[in-house]
N, C-alpha and C. Protein backbone atom coordinates (compact mmCIF):
# COMPACT_ATOMS: atom_id res chain seq x y z
N MET A 1 -116.34 -71.59 -136.49
CA MET A 1 -117.75 -71.25 -136.35
C MET A 1 -117.90 -69.73 -136.41
N ALA A 2 -118.71 -69.27 -137.30
CA ALA A 2 -118.89 -67.84 -137.49
C ALA A 2 -120.05 -67.34 -136.64
N VAL A 3 -119.85 -66.20 -136.06
CA VAL A 3 -120.90 -65.56 -135.27
C VAL A 3 -121.72 -64.70 -136.22
N ALA A 4 -123.04 -64.77 -136.08
CA ALA A 4 -123.93 -64.02 -136.97
C ALA A 4 -123.69 -62.53 -136.81
N GLY A 5 -123.53 -61.84 -137.92
CA GLY A 5 -123.36 -60.39 -137.91
C GLY A 5 -121.93 -59.94 -137.62
N ARG A 6 -121.02 -60.86 -137.39
CA ARG A 6 -119.65 -60.52 -137.03
C ARG A 6 -118.90 -59.85 -138.20
N GLU A 7 -119.16 -60.32 -139.43
CA GLU A 7 -118.46 -59.78 -140.58
C GLU A 7 -118.77 -58.30 -140.76
N ASN A 8 -120.03 -57.93 -140.61
CA ASN A 8 -120.41 -56.53 -140.79
C ASN A 8 -119.78 -55.65 -139.72
N GLN A 9 -119.67 -56.18 -138.50
CA GLN A 9 -119.07 -55.42 -137.41
C GLN A 9 -117.60 -55.15 -137.71
N GLU A 10 -116.89 -56.16 -138.21
CA GLU A 10 -115.48 -55.98 -138.53
C GLU A 10 -115.30 -54.99 -139.67
N GLU A 11 -116.18 -55.02 -140.66
CA GLU A 11 -116.08 -54.08 -141.77
C GLU A 11 -116.31 -52.66 -141.30
N SER A 12 -117.28 -52.45 -140.40
CA SER A 12 -117.55 -51.10 -139.92
C SER A 12 -116.39 -50.60 -139.07
N ASN A 13 -115.76 -51.49 -138.27
CA ASN A 13 -114.60 -51.07 -137.49
C ASN A 13 -113.45 -50.67 -138.41
N PHE A 14 -113.26 -51.41 -139.50
CA PHE A 14 -112.20 -51.08 -140.45
C PHE A 14 -112.44 -49.70 -141.05
N MET A 15 -113.68 -49.40 -141.41
CA MET A 15 -113.98 -48.11 -142.02
C MET A 15 -113.72 -46.98 -141.04
N LYS A 16 -114.07 -47.17 -139.76
CA LYS A 16 -113.82 -46.14 -138.76
C LYS A 16 -112.33 -45.85 -138.64
N LYS A 17 -111.53 -46.91 -138.59
CA LYS A 17 -110.09 -46.73 -138.44
C LYS A 17 -109.49 -46.06 -139.67
N SER A 18 -109.93 -46.46 -140.86
CA SER A 18 -109.33 -45.90 -142.06
C SER A 18 -109.67 -44.42 -142.22
N VAL A 19 -110.84 -43.99 -141.77
CA VAL A 19 -111.20 -42.58 -141.83
C VAL A 19 -110.32 -41.79 -140.87
N CYS A 20 -110.04 -42.35 -139.71
CA CYS A 20 -109.16 -41.67 -138.75
C CYS A 20 -107.74 -41.57 -139.29
N LYS A 21 -107.31 -42.56 -140.07
CA LYS A 21 -105.98 -42.51 -140.65
C LYS A 21 -105.84 -41.32 -141.59
N ILE A 22 -106.92 -40.99 -142.28
CA ILE A 22 -106.88 -39.86 -143.21
C ILE A 22 -106.62 -38.57 -142.44
N CYS A 23 -107.30 -38.39 -141.31
CA CYS A 23 -107.09 -37.20 -140.48
C CYS A 23 -105.65 -37.16 -139.98
N ARG A 24 -105.15 -38.29 -139.52
CA ARG A 24 -103.79 -38.34 -138.99
C ARG A 24 -102.76 -38.07 -140.07
N ARG A 25 -103.01 -38.55 -141.29
CA ARG A 25 -102.07 -38.34 -142.39
C ARG A 25 -101.99 -36.86 -142.76
N THR A 26 -103.13 -36.16 -142.77
CA THR A 26 -103.12 -34.74 -143.12
C THR A 26 -102.62 -33.89 -141.97
N GLY A 27 -102.69 -34.40 -140.74
CA GLY A 27 -102.20 -33.64 -139.59
C GLY A 27 -103.22 -32.67 -139.04
N GLU A 28 -104.46 -32.73 -139.50
CA GLU A 28 -105.52 -31.84 -139.03
C GLU A 28 -106.81 -32.63 -138.87
N LYS A 29 -107.67 -32.15 -137.98
CA LYS A 29 -108.99 -32.77 -137.85
C LYS A 29 -109.83 -32.35 -139.04
N LEU A 30 -110.36 -33.33 -139.75
CA LEU A 30 -111.23 -33.05 -140.89
C LEU A 30 -112.70 -33.26 -140.55
N PHE A 31 -112.96 -33.73 -139.33
CA PHE A 31 -114.32 -33.97 -138.83
C PHE A 31 -115.10 -34.88 -139.76
N LEU A 32 -114.46 -35.97 -140.20
CA LEU A 32 -115.10 -36.93 -141.09
C LEU A 32 -116.04 -37.86 -140.34
N LYS A 33 -115.90 -37.95 -139.02
CA LYS A 33 -116.73 -38.87 -138.25
C LYS A 33 -117.71 -38.16 -137.34
N GLY A 34 -117.93 -36.89 -137.55
CA GLY A 34 -118.94 -36.17 -136.80
C GLY A 34 -118.54 -35.91 -135.36
N GLU A 35 -119.39 -36.33 -134.42
CA GLU A 35 -119.20 -36.00 -133.01
C GLU A 35 -118.01 -36.72 -132.39
N ARG A 36 -117.59 -37.84 -132.96
CA ARG A 36 -116.43 -38.55 -132.40
C ARG A 36 -115.18 -37.67 -132.47
N CYS A 37 -115.09 -36.83 -133.48
CA CYS A 37 -113.93 -35.96 -133.61
C CYS A 37 -113.90 -34.89 -132.53
N LEU A 38 -115.02 -34.63 -131.89
CA LEU A 38 -115.07 -33.64 -130.82
C LEU A 38 -114.80 -34.26 -129.45
N SER A 39 -114.84 -35.59 -129.34
CA SER A 39 -114.66 -36.25 -128.05
C SER A 39 -113.18 -36.57 -127.80
N GLN A 40 -112.91 -37.14 -126.64
CA GLN A 40 -111.55 -37.55 -126.29
C GLN A 40 -111.12 -38.81 -127.03
N LYS A 41 -112.06 -39.49 -127.71
CA LYS A 41 -111.74 -40.71 -128.44
C LYS A 41 -111.16 -40.44 -129.82
N CYS A 42 -111.09 -39.20 -130.22
CA CYS A 42 -110.57 -38.87 -131.54
C CYS A 42 -109.11 -39.31 -131.65
N SER A 43 -108.77 -39.91 -132.76
CA SER A 43 -107.40 -40.42 -132.93
C SER A 43 -106.38 -39.29 -133.01
N MET A 44 -106.79 -38.10 -133.39
CA MET A 44 -105.85 -36.98 -133.43
C MET A 44 -105.47 -36.54 -132.02
N ILE A 45 -106.35 -36.76 -131.05
CA ILE A 45 -106.03 -36.44 -129.66
C ILE A 45 -105.18 -37.55 -129.05
N ARG A 46 -105.55 -38.80 -129.31
CA ARG A 46 -104.82 -39.93 -128.74
C ARG A 46 -103.43 -40.10 -129.35
N ARG A 47 -103.36 -40.01 -130.68
CA ARG A 47 -102.09 -40.24 -131.38
C ARG A 47 -101.90 -39.12 -132.40
N ASN A 48 -101.27 -38.07 -131.98
CA ASN A 48 -101.10 -36.91 -132.86
C ASN A 48 -99.82 -37.04 -133.69
N TYR A 49 -99.75 -38.10 -134.47
CA TYR A 49 -98.64 -38.33 -135.39
C TYR A 49 -99.16 -39.15 -136.56
N PRO A 50 -98.47 -39.14 -137.69
CA PRO A 50 -98.95 -39.87 -138.87
C PRO A 50 -99.00 -41.38 -138.63
N PRO A 51 -99.88 -42.09 -139.34
CA PRO A 51 -99.96 -43.54 -139.18
C PRO A 51 -98.77 -44.24 -139.81
N GLY A 52 -98.51 -45.46 -139.37
CA GLY A 52 -97.43 -46.25 -139.95
C GLY A 52 -96.27 -46.45 -139.00
N MET A 53 -95.34 -47.29 -139.40
CA MET A 53 -94.20 -47.62 -138.54
C MET A 53 -93.31 -46.42 -138.27
N GLN A 54 -93.14 -45.54 -139.25
CA GLN A 54 -92.26 -44.39 -139.07
C GLN A 54 -93.03 -43.14 -138.67
N GLY A 55 -94.23 -43.29 -138.16
CA GLY A 55 -95.06 -42.14 -137.82
C GLY A 55 -94.52 -41.32 -136.66
N HIS A 56 -93.79 -41.95 -135.74
CA HIS A 56 -93.30 -41.26 -134.55
C HIS A 56 -92.12 -40.34 -134.84
N LYS A 57 -91.48 -40.52 -135.99
CA LYS A 57 -90.29 -39.72 -136.30
C LYS A 57 -90.66 -38.25 -136.48
N ARG A 58 -89.65 -37.42 -136.45
CA ARG A 58 -89.85 -35.99 -136.63
C ARG A 58 -90.41 -35.72 -138.02
N PRO A 59 -91.46 -34.90 -138.14
CA PRO A 59 -92.06 -34.66 -139.46
C PRO A 59 -91.12 -33.86 -140.37
N LYS A 60 -91.19 -34.16 -141.65
CA LYS A 60 -90.39 -33.44 -142.64
C LYS A 60 -91.05 -32.10 -142.94
N THR A 61 -90.23 -31.10 -143.24
CA THR A 61 -90.79 -29.81 -143.63
C THR A 61 -91.21 -29.90 -145.10
N LEU A 62 -92.40 -29.40 -145.38
CA LEU A 62 -92.94 -29.47 -146.73
C LEU A 62 -92.57 -28.24 -147.54
N SER A 63 -92.36 -28.42 -148.82
CA SER A 63 -92.11 -27.30 -149.72
C SER A 63 -93.45 -26.61 -150.02
N GLU A 64 -93.38 -25.51 -150.74
CA GLU A 64 -94.61 -24.80 -151.14
C GLU A 64 -95.50 -25.71 -151.98
N TYR A 65 -94.88 -26.45 -152.88
CA TYR A 65 -95.63 -27.38 -153.73
C TYR A 65 -96.28 -28.46 -152.87
N GLY A 66 -95.55 -28.97 -151.88
CA GLY A 66 -96.10 -29.99 -150.99
C GLY A 66 -97.30 -29.48 -150.21
N LEU A 67 -97.23 -28.22 -149.77
CA LEU A 67 -98.36 -27.62 -149.05
C LEU A 67 -99.58 -27.49 -149.96
N GLN A 68 -99.36 -27.12 -151.22
CA GLN A 68 -100.46 -27.01 -152.18
C GLN A 68 -101.12 -28.36 -152.41
N ILE A 69 -100.30 -29.39 -152.56
CA ILE A 69 -100.83 -30.74 -152.77
C ILE A 69 -101.63 -31.19 -151.55
N LYS A 70 -101.13 -30.88 -150.36
CA LYS A 70 -101.81 -31.26 -149.12
C LYS A 70 -103.19 -30.59 -149.03
N GLU A 71 -103.26 -29.31 -149.37
CA GLU A 71 -104.54 -28.59 -149.34
C GLU A 71 -105.51 -29.16 -150.37
N ASN A 72 -105.02 -29.48 -151.56
CA ASN A 72 -105.87 -30.08 -152.59
C ASN A 72 -106.40 -31.43 -152.13
N LYS A 73 -105.57 -32.20 -151.46
CA LYS A 73 -105.97 -33.52 -150.97
C LYS A 73 -107.07 -33.37 -149.92
N LYS A 74 -106.95 -32.36 -149.05
CA LYS A 74 -107.99 -32.13 -148.03
C LYS A 74 -109.32 -31.80 -148.68
N LEU A 75 -109.29 -30.96 -149.72
CA LEU A 75 -110.53 -30.63 -150.43
C LEU A 75 -111.12 -31.85 -151.11
N GLU A 76 -110.25 -32.69 -151.65
CA GLU A 76 -110.70 -33.90 -152.33
C GLU A 76 -111.37 -34.85 -151.34
N ILE A 77 -110.81 -34.97 -150.14
CA ILE A 77 -111.35 -35.86 -149.11
C ILE A 77 -112.69 -35.33 -148.61
N LYS A 78 -112.75 -34.05 -148.32
CA LYS A 78 -113.98 -33.46 -147.79
C LYS A 78 -115.09 -33.44 -148.82
N GLY A 79 -114.77 -33.43 -150.06
CA GLY A 79 -115.78 -33.32 -151.11
C GLY A 79 -115.71 -31.94 -151.72
N GLN A 80 -116.24 -31.81 -152.88
CA GLN A 80 -116.21 -30.52 -153.54
C GLN A 80 -117.09 -29.53 -152.79
N ALA A 81 -116.66 -28.29 -152.72
CA ALA A 81 -117.35 -27.29 -151.92
C ALA A 81 -118.72 -26.93 -152.47
N ASP A 82 -118.99 -27.20 -153.74
CA ASP A 82 -120.28 -26.84 -154.31
C ASP A 82 -121.21 -28.04 -154.45
N SER A 83 -120.85 -29.19 -153.89
CA SER A 83 -121.74 -30.36 -153.98
C SER A 83 -122.80 -30.28 -152.88
N LEU A 84 -123.93 -30.90 -153.14
CA LEU A 84 -125.05 -30.86 -152.20
C LEU A 84 -124.68 -31.55 -150.88
N GLY A 85 -123.94 -32.64 -150.96
CA GLY A 85 -123.54 -33.36 -149.75
C GLY A 85 -122.72 -32.49 -148.82
N TYR A 86 -121.77 -31.76 -149.37
CA TYR A 86 -120.93 -30.89 -148.56
C TYR A 86 -121.72 -29.72 -148.00
N LYS A 87 -122.66 -29.17 -148.78
CA LYS A 87 -123.46 -28.05 -148.30
C LYS A 87 -124.37 -28.46 -147.14
N VAL A 88 -124.97 -29.67 -147.22
CA VAL A 88 -125.82 -30.15 -146.13
C VAL A 88 -124.99 -30.32 -144.86
N TYR A 89 -123.78 -30.83 -145.00
CA TYR A 89 -122.88 -30.97 -143.85
C TYR A 89 -122.44 -29.60 -143.33
N GLU A 90 -122.14 -28.68 -144.22
CA GLU A 90 -121.67 -27.36 -143.85
C GLU A 90 -122.75 -26.55 -143.12
N LEU A 91 -124.02 -26.77 -143.49
CA LEU A 91 -125.13 -26.08 -142.84
C LEU A 91 -125.54 -26.73 -141.52
N LYS A 92 -124.79 -27.74 -141.09
CA LYS A 92 -125.04 -28.46 -139.83
C LYS A 92 -126.39 -29.16 -139.82
N LEU A 93 -126.84 -29.60 -141.00
CA LEU A 93 -128.06 -30.39 -141.08
C LEU A 93 -127.77 -31.86 -140.85
N ALA A 94 -126.48 -32.23 -140.82
CA ALA A 94 -126.05 -33.60 -140.57
C ALA A 94 -124.77 -33.55 -139.74
N PRO A 95 -124.55 -34.56 -138.86
CA PRO A 95 -123.36 -34.53 -137.99
C PRO A 95 -122.05 -34.82 -138.71
N SER A 96 -122.09 -35.53 -139.84
CA SER A 96 -120.86 -35.83 -140.57
C SER A 96 -121.15 -35.83 -142.07
N LEU A 97 -120.09 -35.89 -142.84
CA LEU A 97 -120.23 -35.88 -144.30
C LEU A 97 -120.91 -37.15 -144.79
N LYS A 98 -120.58 -38.29 -144.19
CA LYS A 98 -121.23 -39.54 -144.57
C LYS A 98 -122.72 -39.51 -144.24
N ALA A 99 -123.06 -38.95 -143.08
CA ALA A 99 -124.47 -38.85 -142.69
C ALA A 99 -125.23 -37.93 -143.64
N ALA A 100 -124.58 -36.85 -144.07
CA ALA A 100 -125.21 -35.93 -145.01
C ALA A 100 -125.51 -36.62 -146.33
N LYS A 101 -124.54 -37.41 -146.82
CA LYS A 101 -124.76 -38.13 -148.07
C LYS A 101 -125.88 -39.15 -147.93
N GLN A 102 -125.98 -39.78 -146.76
CA GLN A 102 -127.03 -40.76 -146.54
C GLN A 102 -128.40 -40.09 -146.50
N ILE A 103 -128.50 -38.95 -145.83
CA ILE A 103 -129.76 -38.21 -145.76
C ILE A 103 -130.23 -37.83 -147.17
N ILE A 104 -129.29 -37.40 -147.99
CA ILE A 104 -129.64 -37.01 -149.37
C ILE A 104 -130.09 -38.22 -150.17
N SER A 105 -129.36 -39.32 -150.06
CA SER A 105 -129.70 -40.50 -150.87
C SER A 105 -131.01 -41.13 -150.45
N HIS A 106 -131.44 -40.91 -149.20
CA HIS A 106 -132.74 -41.42 -148.76
C HIS A 106 -133.89 -40.50 -149.17
N GLY A 107 -133.57 -39.35 -149.76
CA GLY A 107 -134.60 -38.48 -150.31
C GLY A 107 -135.20 -37.50 -149.34
N TYR A 108 -134.45 -37.09 -148.31
CA TYR A 108 -134.98 -36.15 -147.32
C TYR A 108 -134.60 -34.70 -147.60
N VAL A 109 -133.99 -34.43 -148.74
CA VAL A 109 -133.52 -33.08 -149.03
C VAL A 109 -134.22 -32.55 -150.28
N LEU A 110 -134.69 -31.30 -150.18
CA LEU A 110 -135.29 -30.61 -151.31
C LEU A 110 -134.40 -29.45 -151.71
N VAL A 111 -134.17 -29.29 -153.00
CA VAL A 111 -133.45 -28.15 -153.53
C VAL A 111 -134.41 -27.43 -154.46
N ASN A 112 -134.74 -26.19 -154.12
CA ASN A 112 -135.72 -25.41 -154.87
C ASN A 112 -137.03 -26.18 -155.02
N ASP A 113 -137.49 -26.80 -153.94
CA ASP A 113 -138.73 -27.57 -153.85
C ASP A 113 -138.76 -28.79 -154.78
N LYS A 114 -137.60 -29.32 -155.13
CA LYS A 114 -137.49 -30.56 -155.91
C LYS A 114 -136.67 -31.56 -155.10
N LYS A 115 -137.15 -32.80 -155.07
CA LYS A 115 -136.43 -33.83 -154.33
C LYS A 115 -135.18 -34.24 -155.12
N ILE A 116 -134.04 -34.13 -154.46
CA ILE A 116 -132.75 -34.51 -155.06
C ILE A 116 -132.18 -35.66 -154.24
N SER A 117 -131.79 -36.74 -154.91
CA SER A 117 -131.24 -37.89 -154.19
C SER A 117 -129.80 -38.19 -154.61
N VAL A 118 -129.12 -37.22 -155.18
CA VAL A 118 -127.74 -37.40 -155.63
C VAL A 118 -126.84 -36.46 -154.81
N PRO A 119 -125.95 -37.00 -153.97
CA PRO A 119 -125.09 -36.14 -153.14
C PRO A 119 -124.12 -35.28 -153.94
N SER A 120 -123.79 -35.67 -155.17
CA SER A 120 -122.83 -34.91 -155.97
C SER A 120 -123.50 -33.80 -156.78
N TYR A 121 -124.79 -33.57 -156.57
CA TYR A 121 -125.52 -32.51 -157.27
C TYR A 121 -124.85 -31.17 -157.00
N LYS A 122 -124.57 -30.40 -158.05
CA LYS A 122 -123.89 -29.12 -157.90
C LYS A 122 -124.90 -28.04 -157.50
N VAL A 123 -124.65 -27.41 -156.37
CA VAL A 123 -125.55 -26.39 -155.82
C VAL A 123 -125.05 -25.01 -156.24
N LYS A 124 -125.99 -24.16 -156.62
CA LYS A 124 -125.65 -22.78 -156.98
C LYS A 124 -125.91 -21.89 -155.77
N GLU A 125 -125.46 -20.65 -155.84
CA GLU A 125 -125.56 -19.73 -154.69
C GLU A 125 -127.01 -19.45 -154.29
N LYS A 126 -127.91 -19.31 -155.24
CA LYS A 126 -129.28 -18.90 -154.93
C LYS A 126 -130.22 -20.07 -154.68
N ASP A 127 -129.71 -21.30 -154.68
CA ASP A 127 -130.56 -22.46 -154.42
C ASP A 127 -130.99 -22.51 -152.96
N LYS A 128 -132.23 -22.95 -152.73
CA LYS A 128 -132.77 -23.09 -151.38
C LYS A 128 -132.77 -24.57 -151.01
N ILE A 129 -132.13 -24.90 -149.89
CA ILE A 129 -132.03 -26.28 -149.44
C ILE A 129 -132.93 -26.46 -148.23
N LYS A 130 -133.81 -27.49 -148.29
CA LYS A 130 -134.73 -27.79 -147.19
C LYS A 130 -134.65 -29.26 -146.84
N LEU A 131 -134.90 -29.56 -145.57
CA LEU A 131 -135.02 -30.94 -145.10
C LEU A 131 -136.49 -31.27 -144.91
N ILE A 132 -136.90 -32.47 -145.31
CA ILE A 132 -138.27 -32.91 -145.06
C ILE A 132 -138.21 -34.12 -144.15
N LYS A 133 -139.32 -34.38 -143.47
CA LYS A 133 -139.36 -35.53 -142.54
C LYS A 133 -140.03 -36.71 -143.16
């Protein structure tokens, strides 16, 4: 017997855990979940080691190339630095990157007094970003 709404709850729990795995894999807080990353419930505070069965072992030292790949992966996860979604998050107009993308897709953001609903919109230096209610 299925409980109404149970499937959606399990899916949302899975997404929360998988986002935390990304932070643990990189070894740094990426603040992908907003305020949860600032609380004591953050998985980086509770389990400060990589996910998986061999996560508790001593970490391997990375080569220069490995460090470059790790930094590129972090940028890829956070989003491109010139995208509208990342800029809205960076300006603290949204608590997390996902929330910023949702605000944009719902049409609450103006760029140069034009409504933009695409989070991947490339922002230039002189563009003016506004929130509307």
